[in-house]
Amino acid sequence: MESGFTPLEAIKIATLNGAQFLGEADHVGSLTPGKQADIMLVKGDPSSKIADIENVEVVFKDGVGWDSKKLIDSVKGQVGVR
C-alpha cells in the first residue's frame, strides 16, 4: 500500500469515483443492473494484489469478448506510425 489505498479502494477510485466526478454514475462506474458496463477479466486477484490488474485476459466491449493479447500483438510496431 504505497499510496495508502487498499487495492479495492484504488479500483473504486478509478471506476465509480471517476464516473461520479464526470456526473455519469447513474449510467456507468459499477456493475449494477441497469447500468452500461464494459468489463475485463484478469488472471489473479486485484482485490488483494493490485498488480494483478495488469494481467488482462479478456475485455468485454458492447457484449463482445476480445482477447487482449491478440489485440496487443496485432498492433505491435504500429504505435506512432499513423
N, C-alpha and C. Protein backbone atom coordinates (compact mmCIF):
# COMPACT_ATOMS: atom_id res chain seq x y z
N MET A 1 0.82 -1.19 0.00
CA MET A 1 0.00 0.00 0.00
C MET A 1 0.87 1.26 0.00
N GLU A 2 1.55 1.53 -1.08
CA GLU A 2 2.42 2.69 -1.16
C GLU A 2 1.65 4.00 -0.98
N SER A 3 0.48 4.12 -1.61
CA SER A 3 -0.26 5.38 -1.57
C SER A 3 -1.20 5.48 -0.38
N GLY A 4 -1.36 4.40 0.35
CA GLY A 4 -2.28 4.42 1.48
C GLY A 4 -3.66 3.87 1.14
N PHE A 5 -3.92 3.55 -0.11
CA PHE A 5 -5.19 2.97 -0.51
C PHE A 5 -5.07 1.46 -0.59
N THR A 6 -6.13 0.76 -0.21
CA THR A 6 -6.16 -0.68 -0.44
C THR A 6 -6.41 -0.91 -1.92
N PRO A 7 -6.13 -2.11 -2.43
CA PRO A 7 -6.43 -2.38 -3.83
C PRO A 7 -7.90 -2.13 -4.19
N LEU A 8 -8.83 -2.53 -3.33
CA LEU A 8 -10.25 -2.30 -3.62
C LEU A 8 -10.57 -0.81 -3.67
N GLU A 9 -9.97 -0.03 -2.78
CA GLU A 9 -10.20 1.42 -2.81
C GLU A 9 -9.66 2.03 -4.10
N ALA A 10 -8.50 1.57 -4.55
CA ALA A 10 -7.91 2.08 -5.79
C ALA A 10 -8.79 1.76 -6.99
N ILE A 11 -9.34 0.55 -7.02
CA ILE A 11 -10.23 0.16 -8.13
C ILE A 11 -11.48 1.03 -8.11
N LYS A 12 -12.04 1.27 -6.93
CA LYS A 12 -13.24 2.11 -6.83
C LYS A 12 -12.94 3.54 -7.26
N ILE A 13 -11.79 4.06 -6.87
CA ILE A 13 -11.40 5.42 -7.26
C ILE A 13 -11.33 5.53 -8.78
N ALA A 14 -10.79 4.50 -9.42
CA ALA A 14 -10.63 4.52 -10.88
C ALA A 14 -11.93 4.29 -11.64
N THR A 15 -12.94 3.73 -10.98
CA THR A 15 -14.18 3.40 -11.70
C THR A 15 -15.34 4.25 -11.20
N LEU A 16 -15.88 3.92 -10.07
CA LEU A 16 -17.07 4.62 -9.57
C LEU A 16 -16.79 6.09 -9.26
N ASN A 17 -15.68 6.37 -8.59
CA ASN A 17 -15.38 7.77 -8.28
C ASN A 17 -15.19 8.58 -9.55
N GLY A 18 -14.55 7.97 -10.55
CA GLY A 18 -14.38 8.66 -11.83
C GLY A 18 -15.72 8.97 -12.49
N ALA A 19 -16.63 8.00 -12.44
CA ALA A 19 -17.96 8.21 -13.02
C ALA A 19 -18.72 9.29 -12.25
N GLN A 20 -18.58 9.30 -10.93
CA GLN A 20 -19.23 10.33 -10.12
C GLN A 20 -18.69 11.71 -10.47
N PHE A 21 -17.38 11.83 -10.62
CA PHE A 21 -16.75 13.11 -10.97
C PHE A 21 -17.28 13.62 -12.31
N LEU A 22 -17.49 12.70 -13.25
CA LEU A 22 -17.98 13.08 -14.58
C LEU A 22 -19.50 13.24 -14.64
N GLY A 23 -20.18 12.97 -13.51
CA GLY A 23 -21.64 13.07 -13.49
C GLY A 23 -22.33 11.94 -14.21
N GLU A 24 -21.67 10.80 -14.34
CA GLU A 24 -22.20 9.66 -15.10
C GLU A 24 -22.48 8.44 -14.23
N ALA A 25 -22.42 8.58 -12.92
CA ALA A 25 -22.55 7.42 -12.03
C ALA A 25 -23.91 6.72 -12.12
N ASP A 26 -24.92 7.40 -12.65
CA ASP A 26 -26.22 6.74 -12.83
C ASP A 26 -26.18 5.75 -13.99
N HIS A 27 -25.17 5.88 -14.85
CA HIS A 27 -25.11 5.06 -16.06
C HIS A 27 -23.93 4.10 -16.08
N VAL A 28 -22.80 4.50 -15.50
CA VAL A 28 -21.57 3.71 -15.56
C VAL A 28 -20.83 3.80 -14.24
N GLY A 29 -19.74 3.05 -14.12
CA GLY A 29 -18.86 3.17 -12.96
C GLY A 29 -18.91 2.01 -12.00
N SER A 30 -19.94 1.18 -12.10
CA SER A 30 -20.04 -0.01 -11.24
C SER A 30 -20.89 -1.05 -11.95
N LEU A 31 -20.71 -2.30 -11.55
CA LEU A 31 -21.51 -3.38 -12.13
C LEU A 31 -22.82 -3.46 -11.35
N THR A 32 -23.83 -2.82 -11.90
CA THR A 32 -25.13 -2.72 -11.27
C THR A 32 -26.20 -2.95 -12.33
N PRO A 33 -27.24 -3.72 -12.02
CA PRO A 33 -28.31 -3.91 -13.01
C PRO A 33 -28.82 -2.57 -13.54
N GLY A 34 -28.95 -2.50 -14.86
CA GLY A 34 -29.45 -1.30 -15.50
C GLY A 34 -28.37 -0.33 -15.96
N LYS A 35 -27.13 -0.54 -15.52
CA LYS A 35 -26.04 0.33 -15.96
C LYS A 35 -25.33 -0.29 -17.17
N GLN A 36 -24.69 0.58 -17.95
CA GLN A 36 -23.84 0.11 -19.03
C GLN A 36 -22.52 -0.34 -18.41
N ALA A 37 -21.92 -1.38 -18.99
CA ALA A 37 -20.65 -1.83 -18.43
C ALA A 37 -19.81 -2.53 -19.48
N ASP A 38 -18.59 -2.10 -19.61
CA ASP A 38 -17.56 -2.83 -20.32
C ASP A 38 -16.68 -3.36 -19.20
N ILE A 39 -16.37 -4.65 -19.25
CA ILE A 39 -15.61 -5.25 -18.16
C ILE A 39 -14.40 -6.00 -18.71
N MET A 40 -13.50 -6.32 -17.81
CA MET A 40 -12.34 -7.12 -18.19
C MET A 40 -12.16 -8.24 -17.19
N LEU A 41 -11.69 -9.36 -17.70
CA LEU A 41 -11.35 -10.49 -16.85
C LEU A 41 -9.85 -10.52 -16.69
N VAL A 42 -9.40 -10.65 -15.46
CA VAL A 42 -7.97 -10.68 -15.21
C VAL A 42 -7.57 -12.00 -14.57
N LYS A 43 -6.33 -12.37 -14.79
CA LYS A 43 -5.78 -13.55 -14.14
C LYS A 43 -5.19 -13.10 -12.82
N GLY A 44 -5.73 -13.60 -11.73
CA GLY A 44 -5.26 -13.21 -10.41
C GLY A 44 -6.38 -12.59 -9.60
N ASP A 45 -6.01 -11.87 -8.58
CA ASP A 45 -6.98 -11.25 -7.68
C ASP A 45 -6.55 -9.83 -7.35
N PRO A 46 -6.93 -8.87 -8.21
CA PRO A 46 -6.50 -7.50 -7.95
C PRO A 46 -7.06 -6.90 -6.66
N SER A 47 -8.07 -7.54 -6.06
CA SER A 47 -8.59 -7.01 -4.80
C SER A 47 -7.60 -7.24 -3.65
N SER A 48 -6.66 -8.16 -3.84
CA SER A 48 -5.65 -8.37 -2.81
C SER A 48 -4.24 -8.04 -3.31
N LYS A 49 -4.04 -8.12 -4.62
CA LYS A 49 -2.73 -7.79 -5.21
C LYS A 49 -2.98 -6.91 -6.43
N ILE A 50 -2.91 -5.60 -6.25
CA ILE A 50 -3.31 -4.65 -7.29
C ILE A 50 -2.54 -4.85 -8.60
N ALA A 51 -1.32 -5.35 -8.55
CA ALA A 51 -0.54 -5.57 -9.77
C ALA A 51 -1.22 -6.56 -10.70
N ASP A 52 -2.08 -7.44 -10.16
CA ASP A 52 -2.80 -8.41 -10.99
C ASP A 52 -3.76 -7.74 -11.97
N ILE A 53 -4.07 -6.47 -11.76
CA ILE A 53 -4.98 -5.78 -12.66
C ILE A 53 -4.37 -5.64 -14.06
N GLU A 54 -3.07 -5.82 -14.17
CA GLU A 54 -2.39 -5.75 -15.46
C GLU A 54 -2.44 -7.08 -16.22
N ASN A 55 -2.92 -8.14 -15.59
CA ASN A 55 -2.98 -9.46 -16.22
C ASN A 55 -4.31 -9.66 -16.93
N VAL A 56 -4.59 -8.81 -17.89
CA VAL A 56 -5.87 -8.82 -18.60
C VAL A 56 -5.94 -10.02 -19.55
N GLU A 57 -6.97 -10.82 -19.41
CA GLU A 57 -7.16 -11.98 -20.27
C GLU A 57 -8.17 -11.67 -21.39
N VAL A 58 -9.33 -11.11 -21.02
CA VAL A 58 -10.39 -10.82 -21.97
C VAL A 58 -11.02 -9.47 -21.59
N VAL A 59 -11.33 -8.68 -22.62
CA VAL A 59 -12.05 -7.42 -22.42
C VAL A 59 -13.40 -7.55 -23.12
N PHE A 60 -14.47 -7.24 -22.40
CA PHE A 60 -15.80 -7.25 -22.99
C PHE A 60 -16.22 -5.82 -23.28
N LYS A 61 -16.47 -5.54 -24.56
CA LYS A 61 -16.90 -4.22 -25.02
C LYS A 61 -18.16 -4.41 -25.83
N ASP A 62 -19.24 -3.78 -25.40
CA ASP A 62 -20.53 -3.91 -26.08
C ASP A 62 -20.96 -5.37 -26.22
N GLY A 63 -20.66 -6.16 -25.20
CA GLY A 63 -21.09 -7.55 -25.17
C GLY A 63 -20.21 -8.52 -25.94
N VAL A 64 -19.13 -8.04 -26.55
CA VAL A 64 -18.23 -8.90 -27.32
C VAL A 64 -16.92 -9.05 -26.55
N GLY A 65 -16.47 -10.31 -26.40
CA GLY A 65 -15.22 -10.58 -25.72
C GLY A 65 -14.04 -10.48 -26.66
N TRP A 66 -13.01 -9.75 -26.26
CA TRP A 66 -11.81 -9.55 -27.07
C TRP A 66 -10.60 -10.09 -26.32
N ASP A 67 -9.81 -10.91 -26.98
CA ASP A 67 -8.58 -11.45 -26.40
C ASP A 67 -7.53 -10.34 -26.42
N SER A 68 -7.18 -9.83 -25.26
CA SER A 68 -6.30 -8.67 -25.21
C SER A 68 -4.90 -8.96 -25.74
N LYS A 69 -4.37 -10.16 -25.51
CA LYS A 69 -3.04 -10.48 -26.03
C LYS A 69 -3.03 -10.45 -27.55
N LYS A 70 -4.07 -11.00 -28.17
CA LYS A 70 -4.13 -10.98 -29.64
C LYS A 70 -4.25 -9.55 -30.16
N LEU A 71 -5.03 -8.71 -29.48
CA LEU A 71 -5.15 -7.32 -29.90
C LEU A 71 -3.82 -6.59 -29.80
N ILE A 72 -3.13 -6.77 -28.69
CA ILE A 72 -1.84 -6.10 -28.49
C ILE A 72 -0.84 -6.59 -29.53
N ASP A 73 -0.79 -7.91 -29.76
CA ASP A 73 0.13 -8.46 -30.74
C ASP A 73 -0.18 -7.93 -32.15
N SER A 74 -1.45 -7.70 -32.46
CA SER A 74 -1.84 -7.27 -33.79
C SER A 74 -1.40 -5.83 -34.11
N VAL A 75 -1.07 -5.05 -33.10
CA VAL A 75 -0.66 -3.66 -33.34
C VAL A 75 0.80 -3.38 -32.94
N LYS A 76 1.53 -4.43 -32.63
CA LYS A 76 2.94 -4.24 -32.28
C LYS A 76 3.66 -3.52 -33.43
N GLY A 77 4.44 -2.53 -33.08
CA GLY A 77 5.17 -1.77 -34.09
C GLY A 77 4.35 -0.71 -34.79
N GLN A 78 3.07 -0.59 -34.46
CA GLN A 78 2.20 0.37 -35.13
C GLN A 78 2.05 1.69 -34.37
N VAL A 79 2.40 1.70 -33.11
CA VAL A 79 2.21 2.91 -32.31
C VAL A 79 3.09 4.03 -32.89
N GLY A 80 2.49 5.15 -33.19
CA GLY A 80 3.21 6.29 -33.73
C GLY A 80 3.42 6.25 -35.23
N VAL A 81 3.00 5.16 -35.89
CA VAL A 81 3.19 5.03 -37.34
C VAL A 81 2.19 5.90 -38.09
N ARG A 82 0.96 5.97 -37.58
CA ARG A 82 -0.10 6.71 -38.30
C ARG A 82 -0.36 8.03 -37.67
